[in-house]
Amino acid sequence: MARTDPISVPQKDYIRGLIEKRDITGLEQAQRDFLAPQTGNVEDDEALFESNLDRMTNGQASTAIQLLLSCPWKPKVPENATLKELVPENIRTGYFFITDPTNQQERFFRVTEGKEGSPLEPYFMLDVQASDYFYPVKKIDHKMAVFGAISVDPIKSMNEYGMRLGRCGVCNRTLTDRGSILKGIGPICEANLGPTQDQENMLRKLGLIKDNNDA
């Protein structure tokens, strides 16, 4: 096949697959506009992309493929990842003991988040604990129900985790001090936490803290 021949169907399919799997944000704007049109309408984007492909020759398609192969792979988002904007605002990382609202069973959970500056930064990950192992919670309905239960009082749920397992509800390190074991959280982690929801409500009743709209 000559380089001046029209683009082939296998080349089209290969280019489509590469665009789905490769991170093209490092390409020049004109290249991104050609390979991944963003008009604001999905159907228009697809039609324009198809039109762009049809205009290519075999040689241009080969060049585009090599360009796409030089792009890094898109990061794989874990199945247990949930965008932070979708979960309650007071969700935090840590280890929690709650009654699972989906089956009314008492269970232990871990919440982690993507590292700052990484592709996973916008996400919270949720795992359920069984013995010493953690397994991802994949179903969105299950994840949102668990996040909702944790958000009722995250710190209290951390306390419960630590008191039941003897490991800090914040960092999961083994608790050795009697006072820390009774609280379920180590002294360093405790110093970085605020009051539980019950404690906050009591402080509010005493007038020791105020809501933002009371200021």
N, C-alpha and C. Protein backbone atom coordinates (compact mmCIF):
# COMPACT_ATOMS: atom_id res chain seq x y z
N MET A 1 0.85 -1.20 0.00
CA MET A 1 0.00 0.00 0.00
C MET A 1 0.88 1.25 0.00
N ALA A 2 0.62 2.15 -0.93
CA ALA A 2 1.41 3.38 -1.03
C ALA A 2 1.01 4.37 0.06
N ARG A 3 1.95 5.22 0.42
CA ARG A 3 1.69 6.18 1.49
C ARG A 3 0.63 7.20 1.07
N THR A 4 0.43 7.35 -0.24
CA THR A 4 -0.58 8.31 -0.70
C THR A 4 -1.97 7.69 -0.81
N ASP A 5 -2.08 6.38 -0.58
CA ASP A 5 -3.39 5.74 -0.61
C ASP A 5 -4.23 6.21 0.58
N PRO A 6 -5.56 6.10 0.47
CA PRO A 6 -6.42 6.51 1.59
C PRO A 6 -6.15 5.66 2.83
N ILE A 7 -6.47 6.21 3.96
CA ILE A 7 -6.33 5.50 5.23
C ILE A 7 -7.14 4.19 5.17
N SER A 8 -6.60 3.12 5.77
CA SER A 8 -7.30 1.83 5.75
C SER A 8 -8.19 1.70 6.98
N VAL A 9 -9.13 0.76 6.91
CA VAL A 9 -10.02 0.52 8.06
C VAL A 9 -9.23 0.05 9.28
N PRO A 10 -8.25 -0.88 9.14
CA PRO A 10 -7.45 -1.27 10.31
C PRO A 10 -6.71 -0.09 10.94
N GLN A 11 -6.22 0.84 10.11
CA GLN A 11 -5.54 2.01 10.64
C GLN A 11 -6.51 2.87 11.45
N LYS A 12 -7.72 3.04 10.92
CA LYS A 12 -8.74 3.81 11.64
C LYS A 12 -9.00 3.20 13.01
N ASP A 13 -9.23 1.88 13.01
CA ASP A 13 -9.53 1.20 14.26
C ASP A 13 -8.37 1.30 15.25
N TYR A 14 -7.16 1.20 14.73
CA TYR A 14 -5.97 1.26 15.60
C TYR A 14 -5.84 2.65 16.21
N ILE A 15 -6.07 3.68 15.40
CA ILE A 15 -5.99 5.05 15.89
C ILE A 15 -7.04 5.29 16.97
N ARG A 16 -8.25 4.80 16.74
CA ARG A 16 -9.31 4.93 17.75
C ARG A 16 -8.89 4.29 19.07
N GLY A 17 -8.37 3.10 18.98
CA GLY A 17 -7.95 2.40 20.19
C GLY A 17 -6.84 3.12 20.93
N LEU A 18 -5.89 3.67 20.18
CA LEU A 18 -4.78 4.40 20.81
C LEU A 18 -5.27 5.65 21.51
N ILE A 19 -6.21 6.36 20.89
CA ILE A 19 -6.72 7.59 21.50
C ILE A 19 -7.46 7.28 22.80
N GLU A 20 -8.13 6.13 22.86
CA GLU A 20 -8.84 5.75 24.08
C GLU A 20 -7.87 5.40 25.22
N LYS A 21 -6.69 4.88 24.87
CA LYS A 21 -5.78 4.34 25.88
C LYS A 21 -4.59 5.25 26.18
N ARG A 22 -4.29 6.17 25.29
CA ARG A 22 -3.10 7.03 25.48
C ARG A 22 -3.49 8.43 25.93
N ASP A 23 -2.60 9.03 26.72
CA ASP A 23 -2.81 10.39 27.21
C ASP A 23 -2.22 11.36 26.19
N ILE A 24 -3.09 12.07 25.47
CA ILE A 24 -2.62 12.94 24.39
C ILE A 24 -2.53 14.41 24.83
N THR A 25 -2.65 14.65 26.13
CA THR A 25 -2.63 16.04 26.59
C THR A 25 -1.29 16.73 26.33
N GLY A 26 -0.23 15.95 26.10
CA GLY A 26 1.08 16.54 25.85
C GLY A 26 1.30 16.93 24.40
N LEU A 27 0.37 16.59 23.53
CA LEU A 27 0.50 16.93 22.11
C LEU A 27 0.17 18.41 21.90
N GLU A 28 0.56 18.92 20.74
CA GLU A 28 0.25 20.30 20.40
C GLU A 28 -1.27 20.47 20.25
N GLN A 29 -1.76 21.67 20.49
CA GLN A 29 -3.20 21.93 20.47
C GLN A 29 -3.83 21.52 19.15
N ALA A 30 -3.16 21.83 18.03
CA ALA A 30 -3.71 21.50 16.72
C ALA A 30 -3.84 19.99 16.55
N GLN A 31 -2.86 19.25 17.09
CA GLN A 31 -2.91 17.79 17.00
C GLN A 31 -4.05 17.24 17.84
N ARG A 32 -4.24 17.81 19.04
CA ARG A 32 -5.34 17.36 19.90
C ARG A 32 -6.68 17.67 19.27
N ASP A 33 -6.80 18.84 18.67
CA ASP A 33 -8.06 19.23 18.04
C ASP A 33 -8.40 18.29 16.88
N PHE A 34 -7.38 17.82 16.18
CA PHE A 34 -7.61 16.93 15.05
C PHE A 34 -7.97 15.52 15.51
N LEU A 35 -7.27 15.02 16.51
CA LEU A 35 -7.46 13.64 16.95
C LEU A 35 -8.58 13.48 17.98
N ALA A 36 -8.88 14.54 18.70
CA ALA A 36 -9.93 14.46 19.71
C ALA A 36 -10.71 15.76 19.76
N PRO A 37 -11.55 16.01 18.76
CA PRO A 37 -12.32 17.26 18.70
C PRO A 37 -13.18 17.46 19.94
N GLN A 38 -13.27 18.69 20.42
CA GLN A 38 -14.07 19.02 21.60
C GLN A 38 -14.99 20.19 21.25
N THR A 39 -16.14 19.88 20.66
CA THR A 39 -17.06 20.94 20.26
C THR A 39 -18.11 21.22 21.33
N GLY A 40 -18.17 20.34 22.33
CA GLY A 40 -19.20 20.47 23.35
C GLY A 40 -20.39 19.57 23.10
N ASN A 41 -20.39 18.88 21.98
CA ASN A 41 -21.48 17.96 21.64
C ASN A 41 -20.86 16.63 21.21
N VAL A 42 -21.23 15.55 21.88
CA VAL A 42 -20.61 14.25 21.63
C VAL A 42 -20.80 13.80 20.20
N GLU A 43 -22.02 13.95 19.67
CA GLU A 43 -22.29 13.51 18.31
C GLU A 43 -21.49 14.32 17.29
N ASP A 44 -21.38 15.63 17.53
CA ASP A 44 -20.60 16.47 16.63
C ASP A 44 -19.12 16.11 16.71
N ASP A 45 -18.64 15.81 17.91
CA ASP A 45 -17.24 15.41 18.08
C ASP A 45 -16.94 14.15 17.28
N GLU A 46 -17.85 13.17 17.37
CA GLU A 46 -17.65 11.90 16.66
C GLU A 46 -17.68 12.11 15.16
N ALA A 47 -18.60 12.93 14.68
CA ALA A 47 -18.71 13.18 13.24
C ALA A 47 -17.47 13.89 12.72
N LEU A 48 -16.97 14.87 13.48
CA LEU A 48 -15.78 15.61 13.06
C LEU A 48 -14.55 14.71 13.08
N PHE A 49 -14.45 13.85 14.10
CA PHE A 49 -13.33 12.92 14.20
C PHE A 49 -13.33 11.96 13.01
N GLU A 50 -14.50 11.43 12.67
CA GLU A 50 -14.61 10.52 11.53
C GLU A 50 -14.23 11.22 10.23
N SER A 51 -14.65 12.48 10.10
CA SER A 51 -14.30 13.25 8.92
C SER A 51 -12.79 13.49 8.83
N ASN A 52 -12.17 13.77 9.99
CA ASN A 52 -10.72 13.98 10.02
C ASN A 52 -9.98 12.72 9.60
N LEU A 53 -10.45 11.57 10.07
CA LEU A 53 -9.80 10.30 9.70
C LEU A 53 -9.92 10.06 8.20
N ASP A 54 -11.09 10.31 7.65
CA ASP A 54 -11.33 10.06 6.22
C ASP A 54 -10.44 10.92 5.33
N ARG A 55 -9.99 12.05 5.83
CA ARG A 55 -9.13 12.94 5.05
C ARG A 55 -7.67 12.48 5.02
N MET A 56 -7.33 11.53 5.87
CA MET A 56 -5.93 11.12 6.00
C MET A 56 -5.53 10.12 4.92
N THR A 57 -4.27 10.18 4.55
CA THR A 57 -3.69 9.18 3.67
C THR A 57 -3.07 8.07 4.52
N ASN A 58 -2.66 7.02 3.85
CA ASN A 58 -1.99 5.92 4.56
C ASN A 58 -0.74 6.41 5.28
N GLY A 59 0.03 7.27 4.62
CA GLY A 59 1.25 7.78 5.24
C GLY A 59 0.96 8.67 6.43
N GLN A 60 -0.06 9.52 6.32
CA GLN A 60 -0.44 10.40 7.44
C GLN A 60 -0.96 9.58 8.62
N ALA A 61 -1.69 8.51 8.31
CA ALA A 61 -2.18 7.64 9.37
C ALA A 61 -1.03 6.97 10.10
N SER A 62 -0.04 6.52 9.35
CA SER A 62 1.14 5.88 9.97
C SER A 62 1.87 6.87 10.88
N THR A 63 1.97 8.12 10.43
CA THR A 63 2.62 9.15 11.24
C THR A 63 1.82 9.40 12.52
N ALA A 64 0.48 9.46 12.39
CA ALA A 64 -0.37 9.68 13.56
C ALA A 64 -0.25 8.53 14.56
N ILE A 65 -0.16 7.31 14.03
CA ILE A 65 -0.02 6.14 14.91
C ILE A 65 1.29 6.21 15.69
N GLN A 66 2.37 6.55 15.01
CA GLN A 66 3.65 6.67 15.70
C GLN A 66 3.62 7.77 16.76
N LEU A 67 2.92 8.86 16.44
CA LEU A 67 2.79 9.97 17.40
C LEU A 67 2.01 9.51 18.64
N LEU A 68 0.94 8.78 18.40
CA LEU A 68 0.12 8.30 19.52
C LEU A 68 0.87 7.27 20.35
N LEU A 69 1.67 6.43 19.69
CA LEU A 69 2.45 5.43 20.42
C LEU A 69 3.49 6.07 21.33
N SER A 70 3.89 7.30 21.00
CA SER A 70 4.88 8.01 21.84
C SER A 70 4.23 8.64 23.07
N CYS A 71 2.90 8.69 23.11
CA CYS A 71 2.20 9.28 24.25
C CYS A 71 2.13 8.26 25.40
N PRO A 72 2.16 8.72 26.64
CA PRO A 72 2.06 7.79 27.78
C PRO A 72 0.68 7.18 27.89
N TRP A 73 0.60 6.04 28.56
CA TRP A 73 -0.69 5.40 28.80
C TRP A 73 -1.52 6.26 29.74
N LYS A 74 -2.83 6.27 29.52
CA LYS A 74 -3.71 6.93 30.46
C LYS A 74 -3.69 6.15 31.78
N PRO A 75 -3.75 6.85 32.92
CA PRO A 75 -3.76 6.14 34.20
C PRO A 75 -5.03 5.31 34.34
N LYS A 76 -4.89 4.13 34.88
CA LYS A 76 -6.05 3.27 35.09
C LYS A 76 -6.70 3.63 36.42
N VAL A 77 -7.94 4.05 36.35
CA VAL A 77 -8.68 4.41 37.56
C VAL A 77 -9.21 3.14 38.22
N PRO A 78 -8.89 2.90 39.49
CA PRO A 78 -9.37 1.68 40.17
C PRO A 78 -10.89 1.61 40.17
N GLU A 79 -11.40 0.38 40.18
CA GLU A 79 -12.84 0.18 40.16
C GLU A 79 -13.50 0.70 41.43
N ASN A 80 -12.72 0.81 42.52
CA ASN A 80 -13.31 1.28 43.77
C ASN A 80 -13.15 2.78 43.95
N ALA A 81 -12.75 3.49 42.88
CA ALA A 81 -12.54 4.93 42.97
C ALA A 81 -13.85 5.69 42.75
N THR A 82 -14.04 6.74 43.55
CA THR A 82 -15.21 7.60 43.42
C THR A 82 -14.75 9.05 43.46
N LEU A 83 -15.24 9.86 42.54
CA LEU A 83 -14.87 11.26 42.52
C LEU A 83 -15.22 11.92 43.86
N LYS A 84 -14.31 12.71 44.39
CA LYS A 84 -14.53 13.35 45.69
C LYS A 84 -15.75 14.26 45.68
N GLU A 85 -16.04 14.84 44.54
CA GLU A 85 -17.18 15.76 44.47
C GLU A 85 -18.52 15.04 44.63
N LEU A 86 -18.51 13.71 44.55
CA LEU A 86 -19.74 12.96 44.67
C LEU A 86 -20.03 12.49 46.09
N VAL A 87 -19.03 12.53 46.96
CA VAL A 87 -19.21 11.99 48.32
C VAL A 87 -19.45 13.15 49.29
N PRO A 88 -19.99 12.85 50.48
CA PRO A 88 -20.21 13.92 51.47
C PRO A 88 -18.93 14.68 51.78
N GLU A 89 -19.06 15.97 52.06
CA GLU A 89 -17.89 16.84 52.23
C GLU A 89 -17.01 16.45 53.41
N ASN A 90 -17.60 15.81 54.44
CA ASN A 90 -16.80 15.51 55.63
C ASN A 90 -16.14 14.14 55.58
N ILE A 91 -16.19 13.47 54.43
CA ILE A 91 -15.48 12.20 54.29
C ILE A 91 -13.98 12.47 54.32
N ARG A 92 -13.26 11.62 55.04
CA ARG A 92 -11.82 11.77 55.18
C ARG A 92 -11.17 10.41 55.03
N THR A 93 -9.86 10.39 54.87
CA THR A 93 -9.17 9.11 54.80
C THR A 93 -9.06 8.50 56.19
N GLY A 94 -9.03 7.19 56.25
CA GLY A 94 -8.91 6.52 57.54
C GLY A 94 -9.58 5.16 57.52
N TYR A 95 -9.78 4.64 58.73
CA TYR A 95 -10.33 3.29 58.90
C TYR A 95 -11.58 3.41 59.77
N PHE A 96 -12.66 2.77 59.34
CA PHE A 96 -13.96 3.02 59.95
C PHE A 96 -14.70 1.72 60.25
N PHE A 97 -15.43 1.74 61.37
CA PHE A 97 -16.33 0.65 61.71
C PHE A 97 -17.74 1.20 61.69
N ILE A 98 -18.61 0.59 60.86
CA ILE A 98 -20.00 1.02 60.76
C ILE A 98 -20.88 -0.20 60.55
N THR A 99 -22.16 0.01 60.64
CA THR A 99 -23.13 -0.99 60.19
C THR A 99 -23.40 -0.71 58.73
N ASP A 100 -23.04 -1.65 57.88
CA ASP A 100 -23.20 -1.48 56.44
C ASP A 100 -24.69 -1.32 56.13
N PRO A 101 -25.10 -0.17 55.60
CA PRO A 101 -26.53 0.06 55.34
C PRO A 101 -27.11 -0.81 54.24
N THR A 102 -26.27 -1.48 53.46
CA THR A 102 -26.78 -2.31 52.37
C THR A 102 -27.19 -3.71 52.83
N ASN A 103 -26.65 -4.15 53.98
CA ASN A 103 -27.00 -5.50 54.46
C ASN A 103 -27.13 -5.58 55.98
N GLN A 104 -26.97 -4.42 56.66
CA GLN A 104 -27.11 -4.33 58.12
C GLN A 104 -26.08 -5.17 58.86
N GLN A 105 -24.94 -5.44 58.23
CA GLN A 105 -23.86 -6.17 58.88
C GLN A 105 -22.80 -5.20 59.40
N GLU A 106 -22.23 -5.50 60.57
CA GLU A 106 -21.15 -4.67 61.11
C GLU A 106 -19.87 -4.99 60.32
N ARG A 107 -19.25 -3.93 59.78
CA ARG A 107 -18.09 -4.17 58.91
C ARG A 107 -17.06 -3.07 59.09
N PHE A 108 -15.83 -3.39 58.67
CA PHE A 108 -14.71 -2.47 58.75
C PHE A 108 -14.34 -2.01 57.34
N PHE A 109 -14.12 -0.70 57.20
CA PHE A 109 -13.83 -0.13 55.89
C PHE A 109 -12.58 0.74 55.95
N ARG A 110 -11.95 0.90 54.79
CA ARG A 110 -10.81 1.80 54.65
C ARG A 110 -11.10 2.80 53.53
N VAL A 111 -10.83 4.07 53.80
CA VAL A 111 -10.97 5.12 52.78
C VAL A 111 -9.59 5.70 52.51
N THR A 112 -9.17 5.68 51.25
CA THR A 112 -7.90 6.29 50.84
C THR A 112 -8.19 7.31 49.75
N GLU A 113 -7.19 8.11 49.42
CA GLU A 113 -7.36 9.10 48.35
C GLU A 113 -6.12 9.14 47.50
N GLY A 114 -6.29 9.61 46.26
CA GLY A 114 -5.16 9.73 45.37
C GLY A 114 -4.17 10.78 45.85
N LYS A 115 -2.90 10.54 45.62
CA LYS A 115 -1.87 11.47 46.05
C LYS A 115 -1.98 12.80 45.30
N GLU A 116 -1.64 13.86 45.99
CA GLU A 116 -1.69 15.20 45.39
C GLU A 116 -0.80 15.25 44.16
N GLY A 117 -1.33 15.77 43.08
CA GLY A 117 -0.56 15.89 41.85
C GLY A 117 -0.61 14.66 40.96
N SER A 118 -1.18 13.57 41.46
CA SER A 118 -1.27 12.34 40.67
C SER A 118 -2.59 12.33 39.91
N PRO A 119 -2.70 11.47 38.89
CA PRO A 119 -3.97 11.38 38.15
C PRO A 119 -5.14 10.93 39.01
N LEU A 120 -4.86 10.29 40.15
CA LEU A 120 -5.92 9.81 41.02
C LEU A 120 -6.28 10.83 42.12
N GLU A 121 -5.69 12.01 42.08
CA GLU A 121 -5.95 13.01 43.12
C GLU A 121 -7.44 13.31 43.30
N PRO A 122 -8.26 13.34 42.26
CA PRO A 122 -9.69 13.69 42.44
C PRO A 122 -10.54 12.57 43.04
N TYR A 123 -9.92 11.45 43.42
CA TYR A 123 -10.72 10.29 43.82
C TYR A 123 -10.52 9.87 45.28
N PHE A 124 -11.59 9.32 45.86
CA PHE A 124 -11.53 8.53 47.08
C PHE A 124 -11.68 7.06 46.68
N MET A 125 -10.93 6.17 47.33
CA MET A 125 -11.06 4.74 47.13
C MET A 125 -11.62 4.10 48.40
N LEU A 126 -12.53 3.14 48.23
CA LEU A 126 -13.18 2.49 49.37
C LEU A 126 -12.93 0.99 49.32
N ASP A 127 -12.43 0.44 50.44
CA ASP A 127 -12.20 -0.99 50.57
C ASP A 127 -12.90 -1.51 51.81
N VAL A 128 -13.32 -2.76 51.75
CA VAL A 128 -13.89 -3.42 52.91
C VAL A 128 -12.84 -4.39 53.45
N GLN A 129 -12.73 -4.50 54.76
CA GLN A 129 -11.72 -5.32 55.38
C GLN A 129 -12.27 -6.69 55.77
N ALA A 130 -11.48 -7.72 55.49
CA ALA A 130 -11.79 -9.08 55.92
C ALA A 130 -10.49 -9.68 56.45
N SER A 131 -10.44 -9.95 57.76
CA SER A 131 -9.22 -10.38 58.42
C SER A 131 -8.15 -9.29 58.22
N ASP A 132 -6.98 -9.63 57.67
CA ASP A 132 -5.93 -8.64 57.46
C ASP A 132 -5.91 -8.10 56.04
N TYR A 133 -6.93 -8.41 55.27
CA TYR A 133 -6.93 -8.04 53.86
C TYR A 133 -8.04 -7.03 53.56
N PHE A 134 -7.80 -6.22 52.52
CA PHE A 134 -8.76 -5.22 52.09
C PHE A 134 -9.19 -5.51 50.66
N TYR A 135 -10.49 -5.44 50.43
CA TYR A 135 -11.03 -5.74 49.11
C TYR A 135 -11.83 -4.54 48.61
N PRO A 136 -11.65 -4.18 47.33
CA PRO A 136 -12.33 -2.98 46.80
C PRO A 136 -13.84 -3.12 46.76
N VAL A 137 -14.51 -2.05 47.14
CA VAL A 137 -15.97 -1.97 46.98
C VAL A 137 -16.21 -1.33 45.62
N LYS A 138 -16.78 -2.08 44.70
CA LYS A 138 -16.85 -1.65 43.31
C LYS A 138 -18.19 -1.02 42.92
N LYS A 139 -19.28 -1.52 43.48
CA LYS A 139 -20.60 -1.03 43.06
C LYS A 139 -20.85 0.37 43.61
N ILE A 140 -21.23 1.28 42.72
CA ILE A 140 -21.39 2.68 43.11
C ILE A 140 -22.46 2.86 44.17
N ASP A 141 -23.56 2.11 44.08
CA ASP A 141 -24.62 2.23 45.09
C ASP A 141 -24.12 1.81 46.46
N HIS A 142 -23.33 0.76 46.50
CA HIS A 142 -22.77 0.29 47.77
C HIS A 142 -21.79 1.33 48.33
N LYS A 143 -20.93 1.86 47.46
CA LYS A 143 -19.96 2.86 47.91
C LYS A 143 -20.64 4.09 48.48
N MET A 144 -21.65 4.59 47.78
CA MET A 144 -22.31 5.80 48.23
C MET A 144 -23.06 5.57 49.54
N ALA A 145 -23.62 4.36 49.72
CA ALA A 145 -24.31 4.06 50.98
C ALA A 145 -23.33 4.02 52.13
N VAL A 146 -22.15 3.44 51.92
CA VAL A 146 -21.14 3.37 52.97
C VAL A 146 -20.60 4.76 53.28
N PHE A 147 -20.31 5.55 52.25
CA PHE A 147 -19.84 6.92 52.49
C PHE A 147 -20.88 7.71 53.29
N GLY A 148 -22.15 7.50 52.99
CA GLY A 148 -23.20 8.19 53.72
C GLY A 148 -23.23 7.80 55.18
N ALA A 149 -23.04 6.50 55.46
CA ALA A 149 -23.03 6.03 56.85
C ALA A 149 -21.81 6.56 57.61
N ILE A 150 -20.67 6.59 56.96
CA ILE A 150 -19.46 7.12 57.60
C ILE A 150 -19.61 8.60 57.89
N SER A 151 -20.25 9.33 56.97
CA SER A 151 -20.35 10.79 57.11
C SER A 151 -21.21 11.23 58.29
N VAL A 152 -22.01 10.32 58.85
CA VAL A 152 -22.83 10.69 60.01
C VAL A 152 -21.93 11.16 61.15
N ASP A 153 -20.80 10.48 61.35
CA ASP A 153 -19.81 10.89 62.34
C ASP A 153 -18.51 10.15 62.07
N PRO A 154 -17.68 10.68 61.14
CA PRO A 154 -16.47 9.97 60.74
C PRO A 154 -15.51 9.67 61.89
N ILE A 155 -15.33 10.60 62.79
CA ILE A 155 -14.36 10.40 63.87
C ILE A 155 -14.84 9.32 64.83
N LYS A 156 -16.12 9.32 65.12
CA LYS A 156 -16.66 8.27 65.99
C LYS A 156 -16.49 6.90 65.34
N SER A 157 -16.68 6.83 64.03
CA SER A 157 -16.50 5.56 63.31
C SER A 157 -15.04 5.13 63.35
N MET A 158 -14.11 6.10 63.33
CA MET A 158 -12.70 5.80 63.48
C MET A 158 -12.41 5.25 64.88
N ASN A 159 -12.98 5.91 65.88
CA ASN A 159 -12.83 5.45 67.26
C ASN A 159 -13.27 3.99 67.39
N GLU A 160 -14.43 3.70 66.83
CA GLU A 160 -15.00 2.35 66.91
C GLU A 160 -14.08 1.33 66.25
N TYR A 161 -13.51 1.69 65.13
CA TYR A 161 -12.57 0.80 64.44
C TYR A 161 -11.39 0.47 65.35
N GLY A 162 -10.78 1.53 65.89
CA GLY A 162 -9.59 1.34 66.72
C GLY A 162 -9.87 0.56 67.99
N MET A 163 -11.00 0.84 68.63
CA MET A 163 -11.33 0.15 69.88
C MET A 163 -11.60 -1.33 69.65
N ARG A 164 -12.15 -1.66 68.51
CA ARG A 164 -12.49 -3.06 68.23
C ARG A 164 -11.29 -3.87 67.74
N LEU A 165 -10.38 -3.24 67.01
CA LEU A 165 -9.25 -3.97 66.42
C LEU A 165 -7.91 -3.67 67.08
N GLY A 166 -7.87 -2.66 67.95
CA GLY A 166 -6.60 -2.32 68.58
C GLY A 166 -5.61 -1.66 67.65
N ARG A 167 -6.13 -1.08 66.59
CA ARG A 167 -5.29 -0.38 65.62
C ARG A 167 -5.88 1.02 65.39
N CYS A 168 -5.01 1.99 65.21
CA CYS A 168 -5.46 3.38 65.09
C CYS A 168 -6.43 3.54 63.92
N GLY A 169 -7.54 4.21 64.17
CA GLY A 169 -8.53 4.43 63.14
C GLY A 169 -8.10 5.44 62.09
N VAL A 170 -6.97 6.11 62.31
CA VAL A 170 -6.47 7.07 61.33
C VAL A 170 -5.37 6.44 60.47
N CYS A 171 -4.33 5.91 61.12
CA CYS A 171 -3.16 5.41 60.38
C CYS A 171 -3.05 3.89 60.37
N ASN A 172 -3.86 3.21 61.18
CA ASN A 172 -3.91 1.74 61.25
C ASN A 172 -2.69 1.11 61.93
N ARG A 173 -1.92 1.91 62.65
CA ARG A 173 -0.81 1.33 63.40
C ARG A 173 -1.34 0.71 64.70
N THR A 174 -0.62 -0.29 65.20
CA THR A 174 -1.04 -0.97 66.42
C THR A 174 -1.01 -0.02 67.61
N LEU A 175 -2.07 -0.03 68.41
CA LEU A 175 -2.15 0.82 69.59
C LEU A 175 -1.59 0.05 70.79
N THR A 176 -0.69 0.68 71.52
CA THR A 176 -0.08 0.01 72.67
C THR A 176 -0.39 0.71 73.98
N ASP A 177 -0.67 2.00 73.93
CA ASP A 177 -1.01 2.76 75.13
C ASP A 177 -2.46 2.50 75.51
N ARG A 178 -2.72 2.26 76.80
CA ARG A 178 -4.07 1.92 77.26
C ARG A 178 -5.08 3.01 76.89
N GLY A 179 -4.68 4.26 77.11
CA GLY A 179 -5.59 5.36 76.80
C GLY A 179 -5.93 5.42 75.32
N SER A 180 -4.93 5.17 74.48
CA SER A 180 -5.17 5.19 73.04
C SER A 180 -6.07 4.03 72.62
N ILE A 181 -5.87 2.87 73.25
CA ILE A 181 -6.70 1.71 72.93
C ILE A 181 -8.16 1.99 73.27
N LEU A 182 -8.38 2.66 74.39
CA LEU A 182 -9.75 2.97 74.80
C LEU A 182 -10.40 4.00 73.87
N LYS A 183 -9.57 4.85 73.26
CA LYS A 183 -10.10 5.85 72.33
C LYS A 183 -10.15 5.33 70.89
N GLY A 184 -9.28 4.36 70.59
CA GLY A 184 -9.22 3.83 69.24
C GLY A 184 -8.38 4.65 68.29
N ILE A 185 -7.65 5.63 68.82
CA ILE A 185 -6.81 6.49 68.00
C ILE A 185 -5.54 6.84 68.77
N GLY A 186 -4.40 6.82 68.10
CA GLY A 186 -3.13 7.16 68.73
C GLY A 186 -3.04 8.63 69.06
N PRO A 187 -2.12 8.99 69.97
CA PRO A 187 -2.04 10.38 70.44
C PRO A 187 -1.68 11.39 69.35
N ILE A 188 -0.80 11.02 68.44
CA ILE A 188 -0.39 11.95 67.38
C ILE A 188 -1.55 12.19 66.41
N CYS A 189 -2.20 11.10 66.03
CA CYS A 189 -3.35 11.23 65.13
C CYS A 189 -4.50 11.97 65.81
N GLU A 190 -4.68 11.71 67.10
CA GLU A 190 -5.76 12.38 67.83
C GLU A 190 -5.57 13.89 67.84
N ALA A 191 -4.31 14.31 67.95
CA ALA A 191 -4.02 15.75 68.01
C ALA A 191 -4.38 16.45 66.70
N ASN A 192 -4.44 15.67 65.62
CA ASN A 192 -4.74 16.27 64.32
C ASN A 192 -6.22 16.20 63.95
N LEU A 193 -7.03 15.62 64.85
CA LEU A 193 -8.45 15.47 64.58
C LEU A 193 -9.26 16.50 65.35
N GLY A 194 -10.43 16.80 64.83
CA GLY A 194 -11.36 17.66 65.56
C GLY A 194 -12.26 16.82 66.42
N PRO A 195 -13.31 17.41 66.98
CA PRO A 195 -14.26 16.68 67.83
C PRO A 195 -15.15 15.75 67.02
N THR A 196 -15.71 14.73 67.68
CA THR A 196 -16.71 13.89 67.02
C THR A 196 -17.97 14.72 66.81
N GLN A 197 -18.91 14.18 66.05
CA GLN A 197 -20.15 14.91 65.79
C GLN A 197 -20.92 15.15 67.09
N ASP A 198 -20.95 14.13 67.97
CA ASP A 198 -21.63 14.28 69.26
C ASP A 198 -20.97 15.37 70.10
N GLN A 199 -19.63 15.36 70.13
CA GLN A 199 -18.91 16.38 70.89
C GLN A 199 -19.13 17.76 70.30
N GLU A 200 -19.14 17.84 68.97
CA GLU A 200 -19.36 19.12 68.31
C GLU A 200 -20.74 19.67 68.63
N ASN A 201 -21.74 18.79 68.63
CA ASN A 201 -23.10 19.22 68.96
C ASN A 201 -23.19 19.75 70.38
N MET A 202 -22.48 19.08 71.31
CA MET A 202 -22.47 19.52 72.70
C MET A 202 -21.80 20.88 72.84
N LEU A 203 -20.66 21.05 72.14
CA LEU A 203 -19.95 22.33 72.19
C LEU A 203 -20.81 23.44 71.60
N ARG A 204 -21.58 23.10 70.59
CA ARG A 204 -22.45 24.10 69.97
C ARG A 204 -23.57 24.50 70.94
N LYS A 205 -24.12 23.51 71.65
CA LYS A 205 -25.17 23.81 72.62
C LYS A 205 -24.64 24.69 73.75
N LEU A 206 -23.38 24.49 74.12
CA LEU A 206 -22.76 25.28 75.17
C LEU A 206 -22.31 26.65 74.68
N GLY A 207 -22.45 26.87 73.37
CA GLY A 207 -22.05 28.15 72.81
C GLY A 207 -20.57 28.31 72.62
N LEU A 208 -19.83 27.20 72.72
CA LEU A 208 -18.38 27.26 72.59
C LEU A 208 -17.91 27.25 71.14
N ILE A 209 -18.77 26.79 70.23
CA ILE A 209 -18.49 26.92 68.80
C ILE A 209 -19.77 27.38 68.14
N LYS A 210 -19.63 28.05 67.03
CA LYS A 210 -20.78 28.59 66.33
C LYS A 210 -20.77 28.15 64.87
N ASP A 211 -21.95 28.08 64.29
CA ASP A 211 -22.07 27.82 62.87
C ASP A 211 -21.60 29.05 62.12
N ASN A 212 -21.17 28.85 60.87
CA ASN A 212 -20.72 29.98 60.07
C ASN A 212 -21.79 31.05 59.90
N ASN A 213 -23.06 30.62 59.82
CA ASN A 213 -24.11 31.61 59.63
C ASN A 213 -24.50 32.33 60.91
N ASP A 214 -23.85 31.92 62.06
CA ASP A 214 -24.09 32.61 63.32
C ASP A 214 -23.07 33.72 63.56
N ALA A 215 -22.03 33.74 62.73
CA ALA A 215 -20.97 34.71 62.96
C ALA A 215 -21.44 36.12 62.67
